[in-house]
Amino acid sequence: MAESNTPLSRELYFSRDRTFHGFVHMSAWFAIHIIIILAGLYFLGVQNLATFGIFLIAAGVVALGYGAATTPRAVAKASEKQPKENRPRS
């Protein structure tokens, strides 16, 4: 079993940490996307407001795209919050 201070275990920890932050970021944007899409479907189907419903659906798609586009930046920002002595060496 490898000790907890070996470079490999530290790199593995930070890799998992980056994956976790990316997953949380995308999950939040996916939840926002679903809420906007459901509101758009409500206005489109129930209220018969086609223009507003289609606008909300398009906004939901844009929100998901924005979340996907900003995931690498969010992961990098979360990595910067780690103390410098704990960051893996490049």
PDB file of N, CA and C in Angstrom:
ATOM      1  N   MET A   1       0.843  -1.179   0.000  1.00  0.00           N
ATOM      2  CA  MET A   1       0.000   0.000   0.000  1.00  0.00           C
ATOM      3  C   MET A   1       0.887   1.240   0.000  1.00  0.00           C
ATOM      4  N   ALA A   2       0.597   2.194  -0.864  1.00  0.00           N
ATOM      5  CA  ALA A   2       1.400   3.415  -0.970  1.00  0.00           C
ATOM      6  C   ALA A   2       1.107   4.346   0.203  1.00  0.00           C
ATOM      7  N   GLU A   3       2.158   5.028   0.618  1.00  0.00           N
ATOM      8  CA  GLU A   3       1.945   5.999   1.687  1.00  0.00           C
ATOM      9  C   GLU A   3       1.196   7.210   1.147  1.00  0.00           C
ATOM     10  N   SER A   4       0.571   7.954   2.046  1.00  0.00           N
ATOM     11  CA  SER A   4      -0.284   9.059   1.620  1.00  0.00           C
ATOM     12  C   SER A   4       0.486  10.270   1.107  1.00  0.00           C
ATOM     13  N   ASN A   5       1.794  10.340   1.325  1.00  0.00           N
ATOM     14  CA  ASN A   5       2.554  11.502   0.892  1.00  0.00           C
ATOM     15  C   ASN A   5       3.352  11.269  -0.383  1.00  0.00           C
ATOM     16  N   THR A   6       3.176  10.145  -1.018  1.00  0.00           N
ATOM     17  CA  THR A   6       3.910   9.903  -2.258  1.00  0.00           C
ATOM     18  C   THR A   6       3.365  10.799  -3.359  1.00  0.00           C
ATOM     19  N   PRO A   7       4.205  11.173  -4.330  1.00  0.00           N
ATOM     20  CA  PRO A   7       3.733  12.049  -5.411  1.00  0.00           C
ATOM     21  C   PRO A   7       2.564  11.449  -6.201  1.00  0.00           C
ATOM     22  N   LEU A   8       2.571  10.125  -6.367  1.00  0.00           N
ATOM     23  CA  LEU A   8       1.491   9.494  -7.119  1.00  0.00           C
ATOM     24  C   LEU A   8       0.162   9.624  -6.388  1.00  0.00           C
ATOM     25  N   SER A   9       0.147   9.413  -5.090  1.00  0.00           N
ATOM     26  CA  SER A   9      -1.108   9.511  -4.354  1.00  0.00           C
ATOM     27  C   SER A   9      -1.597  10.963  -4.299  1.00  0.00           C
ATOM     28  N   ARG A  10      -0.664  11.930  -4.223  1.00  0.00           N
ATOM     29  CA  ARG A  10      -1.079  13.338  -4.237  1.00  0.00           C
ATOM     30  C   ARG A  10      -1.667  13.704  -5.589  1.00  0.00           C
ATOM     31  N   GLU A  11      -1.042  13.241  -6.662  1.00  0.00           N
ATOM     32  CA  GLU A  11      -1.554  13.515  -8.003  1.00  0.00           C
ATOM     33  C   GLU A  11      -2.925  12.872  -8.191  1.00  0.00           C
ATOM     34  N   LEU A  12      -3.100  11.670  -7.683  1.00  0.00           N
ATOM     35  CA  LEU A  12      -4.387  10.994  -7.778  1.00  0.00           C
ATOM     36  C   LEU A  12      -5.457  11.749  -6.996  1.00  0.00           C
ATOM     37  N   TYR A  13      -5.108  12.241  -5.804  1.00  0.00           N
ATOM     38  CA  TYR A  13      -6.047  13.024  -5.011  1.00  0.00           C
ATOM     39  C   TYR A  13      -6.485  14.280  -5.759  1.00  0.00           C
ATOM     40  N   PHE A  14      -5.539  15.025  -6.335  1.00  0.00           N
ATOM     41  CA  PHE A  14      -5.880  16.262  -7.025  1.00  0.00           C
ATOM     42  C   PHE A  14      -6.635  15.994  -8.318  1.00  0.00           C
ATOM     43  N   SER A  15      -6.342  14.869  -8.947  1.00  0.00           N
ATOM     44  CA  SER A  15      -7.105  14.495 -10.140  1.00  0.00           C
ATOM     45  C   SER A  15      -8.562  14.228  -9.769  1.00  0.00           C
ATOM     46  N   ARG A  16      -8.763  13.518  -8.690  1.00  0.00           N
ATOM     47  CA  ARG A  16     -10.135  13.250  -8.228  1.00  0.00           C
ATOM     48  C   ARG A  16     -10.820  14.533  -7.768  1.00  0.00           C
ATOM     49  N   ASP A  17     -10.066  15.413  -7.150  1.00  0.00           N
ATOM     50  CA  ASP A  17     -10.623  16.692  -6.696  1.00  0.00           C
ATOM     51  C   ASP A  17     -11.081  17.529  -7.895  1.00  0.00           C
ATOM     52  N   ARG A  18     -10.280  17.575  -8.945  1.00  0.00           N
ATOM     53  CA  ARG A  18     -10.665  18.314 -10.151  1.00  0.00           C
ATOM     54  C   ARG A  18     -11.904  17.696 -10.792  1.00  0.00           C
ATOM     55  N   THR A  19     -11.963  16.373 -10.825  1.00  0.00           N
ATOM     56  CA  THR A  19     -13.132  15.695 -11.379  1.00  0.00           C
ATOM     57  C   THR A  19     -14.376  16.017 -10.570  1.00  0.00           C
ATOM     58  N   PHE A  20     -14.256  16.018  -9.251  1.00  0.00           N
ATOM     59  CA  PHE A  20     -15.385  16.333  -8.378  1.00  0.00           C
ATOM     60  C   PHE A  20     -15.900  17.744  -8.632  1.00  0.00           C
ATOM     61  N   HIS A  21     -14.985  18.718  -8.714  1.00  0.00           N
ATOM     62  CA  HIS A  21     -15.412  20.104  -8.936  1.00  0.00           C
ATOM     63  C   HIS A  21     -16.062  20.269 -10.306  1.00  0.00           C
ATOM     64  N   GLY A  22     -15.541  19.583 -11.305  1.00  0.00           N
ATOM     65  CA  GLY A  22     -16.161  19.633 -12.628  1.00  0.00           C
ATOM     66  C   GLY A  22     -17.547  19.032 -12.625  1.00  0.00           C
ATOM     67  N   PHE A  23     -17.712  17.911 -11.914  1.00  0.00           N
ATOM     68  CA  PHE A  23     -19.013  17.251 -11.827  1.00  0.00           C
ATOM     69  C   PHE A  23     -20.031  18.135 -11.110  1.00  0.00           C
ATOM     70  N   VAL A  24     -19.629  18.742 -10.004  1.00  0.00           N
ATOM     71  CA  VAL A  24     -20.540  19.610  -9.255  1.00  0.00           C
ATOM     72  C   VAL A  24     -20.933  20.826 -10.094  1.00  0.00           C
ATOM     73  N   HIS A  25     -19.966  21.401 -10.798  1.00  0.00           N
ATOM     74  CA  HIS A  25     -20.252  22.558 -11.647  1.00  0.00           C
ATOM     75  C   HIS A  25     -21.251  22.197 -12.743  1.00  0.00           C
ATOM     76  N   MET A  26     -21.004  21.087 -13.435  1.00  0.00           N
ATOM     77  CA  MET A  26     -21.912  20.688 -14.512  1.00  0.00           C
ATOM     78  C   MET A  26     -23.275  20.276 -13.967  1.00  0.00           C
ATOM     79  N   SER A  27     -23.318  19.655 -12.803  1.00  0.00           N
ATOM     80  CA  SER A  27     -24.601  19.268 -12.214  1.00  0.00           C
ATOM     81  C   SER A  27     -25.448  20.489 -11.880  1.00  0.00           C
ATOM     82  N   ALA A  28     -24.818  21.527 -11.364  1.00  0.00           N
ATOM     83  CA  ALA A  28     -25.558  22.750 -11.049  1.00  0.00           C
ATOM     84  C   ALA A  28     -26.124  23.378 -12.319  1.00  0.00           C
ATOM     85  N   TRP A  29     -25.320  23.451 -13.373  1.00  0.00           N
ATOM     86  CA  TRP A  29     -25.810  24.039 -14.624  1.00  0.00           C
ATOM     87  C   TRP A  29     -26.859  23.158 -15.286  1.00  0.00           C
ATOM     88  N   PHE A  30     -26.749  21.846 -15.108  1.00  0.00           N
ATOM     89  CA  PHE A  30     -27.772  20.965 -15.658  1.00  0.00           C
ATOM     90  C   PHE A  30     -29.100  21.172 -14.929  1.00  0.00           C
ATOM     91  N   ALA A  31     -29.055  21.364 -13.601  1.00  0.00           N
ATOM     92  CA  ALA A  31     -30.280  21.625 -12.840  1.00  0.00           C
ATOM     93  C   ALA A  31     -30.923  22.939 -13.279  1.00  0.00           C
ATOM     94  N   ILE A  32     -30.099  23.963 -13.487  1.00  0.00           N
ATOM     95  CA  ILE A  32     -30.623  25.246 -13.983  1.00  0.00           C
ATOM     96  C   ILE A  32     -31.259  25.053 -15.355  1.00  0.00           C
ATOM     97  N   HIS A  33     -30.597  24.283 -16.203  1.00  0.00           N
ATOM     98  CA  HIS A  33     -31.093  23.985 -17.547  1.00  0.00           C
ATOM     99  C   HIS A  33     -32.467  23.306 -17.481  1.00  0.00           C
ATOM    100  N   ILE A  34     -32.602  22.318 -16.628  1.00  0.00           N
ATOM    101  CA  ILE A  34     -33.872  21.586 -16.510  1.00  0.00           C
ATOM    102  C   ILE A  34     -34.985  22.503 -16.033  1.00  0.00           C
ATOM    103  N   ILE A  35     -34.709  23.349 -15.051  1.00  0.00           N
ATOM    104  CA  ILE A  35     -35.732  24.265 -14.537  1.00  0.00           C
ATOM    105  C   ILE A  35     -36.217  25.217 -15.632  1.00  0.00           C
ATOM    106  N   ILE A  36     -35.274  25.761 -16.397  1.00  0.00           N
ATOM    107  CA  ILE A  36     -35.653  26.692 -17.469  1.00  0.00           C
ATOM    108  C   ILE A  36     -36.425  25.971 -18.571  1.00  0.00           C
ATOM    109  N   ILE A  37     -35.985  24.763 -18.929  1.00  0.00           N
ATOM    110  CA  ILE A  37     -36.682  23.988 -19.967  1.00  0.00           C
ATOM    111  C   ILE A  37     -38.109  23.653 -19.521  1.00  0.00           C
ATOM    112  N   LEU A  38     -38.272  23.236 -18.269  1.00  0.00           N
ATOM    113  CA  LEU A  38     -39.615  22.905 -17.778  1.00  0.00           C
ATOM    114  C   LEU A  38     -40.523  24.130 -17.768  1.00  0.00           C
ATOM    115  N   ALA A  39     -39.978  25.275 -17.399  1.00  0.00           N
ATOM    116  CA  ALA A  39     -40.777  26.506 -17.448  1.00  0.00           C
ATOM    117  C   ALA A  39     -41.167  26.816 -18.891  1.00  0.00           C
ATOM    118  N   GLY A  40     -40.239  26.636 -19.816  1.00  0.00           N
ATOM    119  CA  GLY A  40     -40.543  26.862 -21.224  1.00  0.00           C
ATOM    120  C   GLY A  40     -41.613  25.917 -21.749  1.00  0.00           C
ATOM    121  N   LEU A  41     -41.534  24.655 -21.354  1.00  0.00           N
ATOM    122  CA  LEU A  41     -42.556  23.691 -21.781  1.00  0.00           C
ATOM    123  C   LEU A  41     -43.918  24.023 -21.179  1.00  0.00           C
ATOM    124  N   TYR A  42     -43.917  24.529 -19.950  1.00  0.00           N
ATOM    125  CA  TYR A  42     -45.172  24.942 -19.328  1.00  0.00           C
ATOM    126  C   TYR A  42     -45.829  26.075 -20.126  1.00  0.00           C
ATOM    127  N   PHE A  43     -45.051  27.099 -20.435  1.00  0.00           N
ATOM    128  CA  PHE A  43     -45.617  28.224 -21.182  1.00  0.00           C
ATOM    129  C   PHE A  43     -45.987  27.824 -22.605  1.00  0.00           C
ATOM    130  N   LEU A  44     -45.241  26.912 -23.187  1.00  0.00           N
ATOM    131  CA  LEU A  44     -45.515  26.477 -24.549  1.00  0.00           C
ATOM    132  C   LEU A  44     -46.758  25.597 -24.609  1.00  0.00           C
ATOM    133  N   GLY A  45     -46.881  24.657 -23.682  1.00  0.00           N
ATOM    134  CA  GLY A  45     -47.970  23.683 -23.749  1.00  0.00           C
ATOM    135  C   GLY A  45     -49.228  24.061 -22.997  1.00  0.00           C
ATOM    136  N   VAL A  46     -49.094  24.608 -21.813  1.00  0.00           N
ATOM    137  CA  VAL A  46     -50.252  24.873 -20.966  1.00  0.00           C
ATOM    138  C   VAL A  46     -50.805  26.275 -21.203  1.00  0.00           C
ATOM    139  N   GLN A  47     -49.946  27.257 -21.244  1.00  0.00           N
ATOM    140  CA  GLN A  47     -50.400  28.642 -21.361  1.00  0.00           C
ATOM    141  C   GLN A  47     -50.575  29.105 -22.810  1.00  0.00           C
ATOM    142  N   ASN A  48     -50.148  28.292 -23.767  1.00  0.00           N
ATOM    143  CA  ASN A  48     -50.243  28.621 -25.192  1.00  0.00           C
ATOM    144  C   ASN A  48     -49.534  29.928 -25.535  1.00  0.00           C
ATOM    145  N   LEU A  49     -48.424  30.175 -24.893  1.00  0.00           N
ATOM    146  CA  LEU A  49     -47.577  31.332 -25.194  1.00  0.00           C
ATOM    147  C   LEU A  49     -46.330  30.807 -25.913  1.00  0.00           C
ATOM    148  N   ALA A  50     -46.483  30.559 -27.202  1.00  0.00           N
ATOM    149  CA  ALA A  50     -45.432  29.891 -27.968  1.00  0.00           C
ATOM    150  C   ALA A  50     -44.140  30.687 -28.001  1.00  0.00           C
ATOM    151  N   THR A  51     -44.222  31.980 -28.204  1.00  0.00           N
ATOM    152  CA  THR A  51     -43.015  32.791 -28.326  1.00  0.00           C
ATOM    153  C   THR A  51     -42.210  32.766 -27.036  1.00  0.00           C
ATOM    154  N   PHE A  52     -42.881  32.966 -25.908  1.00  0.00           N
ATOM    155  CA  PHE A  52     -42.186  32.971 -24.619  1.00  0.00           C
ATOM    156  C   PHE A  52     -41.672  31.575 -24.271  1.00  0.00           C
ATOM    157  N   GLY A  53     -42.451  30.546 -24.576  1.00  0.00           N
ATOM    158  CA  GLY A  53     -42.024  29.171 -24.310  1.00  0.00           C
ATOM    159  C   GLY A  53     -40.792  28.787 -25.101  1.00  0.00           C
ATOM    160  N   ILE A  54     -40.774  29.131 -26.386  1.00  0.00           N
ATOM    161  CA  ILE A  54     -39.618  28.828 -27.217  1.00  0.00           C
ATOM    162  C   ILE A  54     -38.398  29.635 -26.759  1.00  0.00           C
ATOM    163  N   PHE A  55     -38.627  30.878 -26.351  1.00  0.00           N
ATOM    164  CA  PHE A  55     -37.533  31.688 -25.821  1.00  0.00           C
ATOM    165  C   PHE A  55     -36.916  31.040 -24.587  1.00  0.00           C
ATOM    166  N   LEU A  56     -37.756  30.539 -23.671  1.00  0.00           N
ATOM    167  CA  LEU A  56     -37.229  29.900 -22.459  1.00  0.00           C
ATOM    168  C   LEU A  56     -36.504  28.603 -22.784  1.00  0.00           C
ATOM    169  N   ILE A  57     -37.020  27.843 -23.723  1.00  0.00           N
ATOM    170  CA  ILE A  57     -36.345  26.599 -24.105  1.00  0.00           C
ATOM    171  C   ILE A  57     -34.968  26.919 -24.697  1.00  0.00           C
ATOM    172  N   ALA A  58     -34.902  27.930 -25.549  1.00  0.00           N
ATOM    173  CA  ALA A  58     -33.615  28.337 -26.110  1.00  0.00           C
ATOM    174  C   ALA A  58     -32.672  28.836 -25.010  1.00  0.00           C
ATOM    175  N   ALA A  59     -33.212  29.563 -24.049  1.00  0.00           N
ATOM    176  CA  ALA A  59     -32.391  30.037 -22.933  1.00  0.00           C
ATOM    177  C   ALA A  59     -31.863  28.866 -22.106  1.00  0.00           C
ATOM    178  N   GLY A  60     -32.659  27.819 -21.955  1.00  0.00           N
ATOM    179  CA  GLY A  60     -32.203  26.627 -21.241  1.00  0.00           C
ATOM    180  C   GLY A  60     -31.061  25.928 -21.954  1.00  0.00           C
ATOM    181  N   VAL A  61     -31.146  25.862 -23.273  1.00  0.00           N
ATOM    182  CA  VAL A  61     -30.064  25.258 -24.054  1.00  0.00           C
ATOM    183  C   VAL A  61     -28.797  26.106 -23.945  1.00  0.00           C
ATOM    184  N   VAL A  62     -28.955  27.422 -23.996  1.00  0.00           N
ATOM    185  CA  VAL A  62     -27.800  28.319 -23.856  1.00  0.00           C
ATOM    186  C   VAL A  62     -27.182  28.170 -22.465  1.00  0.00           C
ATOM    187  N   ALA A  63     -28.006  28.033 -21.430  1.00  0.00           N
ATOM    188  CA  ALA A  63     -27.492  27.871 -20.065  1.00  0.00           C
ATOM    189  C   ALA A  63     -26.662  26.595 -19.950  1.00  0.00           C
ATOM    190  N   LEU A  64     -27.130  25.511 -20.558  1.00  0.00           N
ATOM    191  CA  LEU A  64     -26.368  24.269 -20.515  1.00  0.00           C
ATOM    192  C   LEU A  64     -25.055  24.411 -21.283  1.00  0.00           C
ATOM    193  N   GLY A  65     -25.099  25.082 -22.426  1.00  0.00           N
ATOM    194  CA  GLY A  65     -23.875  25.314 -23.186  1.00  0.00           C
ATOM    195  C   GLY A  65     -22.880  26.169 -22.421  1.00  0.00           C
ATOM    196  N   TYR A  66     -23.388  27.190 -21.734  1.00  0.00           N
ATOM    197  CA  TYR A  66     -22.518  28.039 -20.931  1.00  0.00           C
ATOM    198  C   TYR A  66     -21.873  27.227 -19.804  1.00  0.00           C
ATOM    199  N   GLY A  67     -22.662  26.378 -19.168  1.00  0.00           N
ATOM    200  CA  GLY A  67     -22.111  25.533 -18.102  1.00  0.00           C
ATOM    201  C   GLY A  67     -21.028  24.608 -18.614  1.00  0.00           C
ATOM    202  N   ALA A  68     -21.243  24.021 -19.790  1.00  0.00           N
ATOM    203  CA  ALA A  68     -20.235  23.134 -20.369  1.00  0.00           C
ATOM    204  C   ALA A  68     -18.981  23.911 -20.764  1.00  0.00           C
ATOM    205  N   ALA A  69     -19.168  25.127 -21.273  1.00  0.00           N
ATOM    206  CA  ALA A  69     -18.021  25.923 -21.713  1.00  0.00           C
ATOM    207  C   ALA A  69     -17.195  26.438 -20.536  1.00  0.00           C
ATOM    208  N   THR A  70     -17.811  26.663 -19.392  1.00  0.00           N
ATOM    209  CA  THR A  70     -17.085  27.221 -18.248  1.00  0.00           C
ATOM    210  C   THR A  70     -16.591  26.166 -17.269  1.00  0.00           C
ATOM    211  N   THR A  71     -16.846  24.900 -17.536  1.00  0.00           N
ATOM    212  CA  THR A  71     -16.387  23.847 -16.629  1.00  0.00           C
ATOM    213  C   THR A  71     -14.868  23.817 -16.489  1.00  0.00           C
ATOM    214  N   PRO A  72     -14.089  23.880 -17.565  1.00  0.00           N
ATOM    215  CA  PRO A  72     -12.627  23.877 -17.365  1.00  0.00           C
ATOM    216  C   PRO A  72     -12.136  25.053 -16.522  1.00  0.00           C
ATOM    217  N   ARG A  73     -12.749  26.224 -16.697  1.00  0.00           N
ATOM    218  CA  ARG A  73     -12.353  27.390 -15.900  1.00  0.00           C
ATOM    219  C   ARG A  73     -12.708  27.180 -14.430  1.00  0.00           C
ATOM    220  N   ALA A  74     -13.864  26.579 -14.161  1.00  0.00           N
ATOM    221  CA  ALA A  74     -14.265  26.327 -12.772  1.00  0.00           C
ATOM    222  C   ALA A  74     -13.338  25.307 -12.111  1.00  0.00           C
ATOM    223  N   VAL A  75     -12.921  24.303 -12.863  1.00  0.00           N
ATOM    224  CA  VAL A  75     -12.002  23.299 -12.326  1.00  0.00           C
ATOM    225  C   VAL A  75     -10.651  23.937 -12.030  1.00  0.00           C
ATOM    226  N   ALA A  76     -10.175  24.781 -12.934  1.00  0.00           N
ATOM    227  CA  ALA A  76      -8.894  25.455 -12.708  1.00  0.00           C
ATOM    228  C   ALA A  76      -8.978  26.394 -11.505  1.00  0.00           C
ATOM    229  N   LYS A  77     -10.088  27.076 -11.363  1.00  0.00           N
ATOM    230  CA  LYS A  77     -10.267  27.990 -10.231  1.00  0.00           C
ATOM    231  C   LYS A  77     -10.281  27.219  -8.916  1.00  0.00           C
ATOM    232  N   ALA A  78     -10.924  26.047  -8.908  1.00  0.00           N
ATOM    233  CA  ALA A  78     -10.946  25.228  -7.692  1.00  0.00           C
ATOM    234  C   ALA A  78      -9.555  24.691  -7.376  1.00  0.00           C
ATOM    235  N   SER A  79      -8.764  24.390  -8.403  1.00  0.00           N
ATOM    236  CA  SER A  79      -7.400  23.901  -8.181  1.00  0.00           C
ATOM    237  C   SER A  79      -6.507  24.992  -7.601  1.00  0.00           C
ATOM    238  N   GLU A  80      -6.766  26.238  -7.958  1.00  0.00           N
ATOM    239  CA  GLU A  80      -5.969  27.343  -7.437  1.00  0.00           C
ATOM    240  C   GLU A  80      -6.205  27.575  -5.955  1.00  0.00           C
ATOM    241  N   LYS A  81      -7.326  27.130  -5.440  1.00  0.00           N
ATOM    242  CA  LYS A  81      -7.634  27.337  -4.022  1.00  0.00           C
ATOM    243  C   LYS A  81      -6.850  26.395  -3.119  1.00  0.00           C
ATOM    244  N   GLN A  82      -6.214  25.373  -3.698  1.00  0.00           N
ATOM    245  CA  GLN A  82      -5.416  24.448  -2.907  1.00  0.00           C
ATOM    246  C   GLN A  82      -4.160  25.160  -2.423  1.00  0.00           C
ATOM    247  N   PRO A  83      -3.705  24.866  -1.216  1.00  0.00           N
ATOM    248  CA  PRO A  83      -2.446  25.455  -0.750  1.00  0.00           C
ATOM    249  C   PRO A  83      -1.298  25.050  -1.676  1.00  0.00           C
ATOM    250  N   LYS A  84      -0.365  25.959  -1.909  1.00  0.00           N
ATOM    251  CA  LYS A  84       0.715  25.695  -2.871  1.00  0.00           C
ATOM    252  C   LYS A  84       1.569  24.508  -2.472  1.00  0.00           C
ATOM    253  N   GLU A  85       1.778  24.294  -1.192  1.00  0.00           N
ATOM    254  CA  GLU A  85       2.617  23.167  -0.777  1.00  0.00           C
ATOM    255  C   GLU A  85       1.916  21.822  -1.016  1.00  0.00           C
ATOM    256  N   ASN A  86       0.599  21.837  -1.182  1.00  0.00           N
ATOM    257  CA  ASN A  86      -0.137  20.602  -1.415  1.00  0.00           C
ATOM    258  C   ASN A  86      -0.399  20.323  -2.880  1.00  0.00           C
ATOM    259  N   ARG A  87      -0.129  21.276  -3.755  1.00  0.00           N
ATOM    260  CA  ARG A  87      -0.371  21.072  -5.183  1.00  0.00           C
ATOM    261  C   ARG A  87       0.638  20.093  -5.756  1.00  0.00           C
ATOM    262  N   PRO A  88       0.229  19.313  -6.731  1.00  0.00           N
ATOM    263  CA  PRO A  88       1.192  18.406  -7.364  1.00  0.00           C
ATOM    264  C   PRO A  88       2.242  19.182  -8.147  1.00  0.00           C
ATOM    265  N   ARG A  89       3.419  18.632  -8.192  1.00  0.00           N
ATOM    266  CA  ARG A  89       4.507  19.292  -8.934  1.00  0.00           C
ATOM    267  C   ARG A  89       4.356  18.969 -10.404  1.00  0.00           C
ATOM    268  N   SER A  90       4.565  19.965 -11.272  1.00  0.00           N
ATOM    269  CA  SER A  90       4.452  19.744 -12.705  1.00  0.00           C
ATOM    270  C   SER A  90       5.798  19.462 -13.310  1.00  0.00           C
TER     271      SER A  90
END
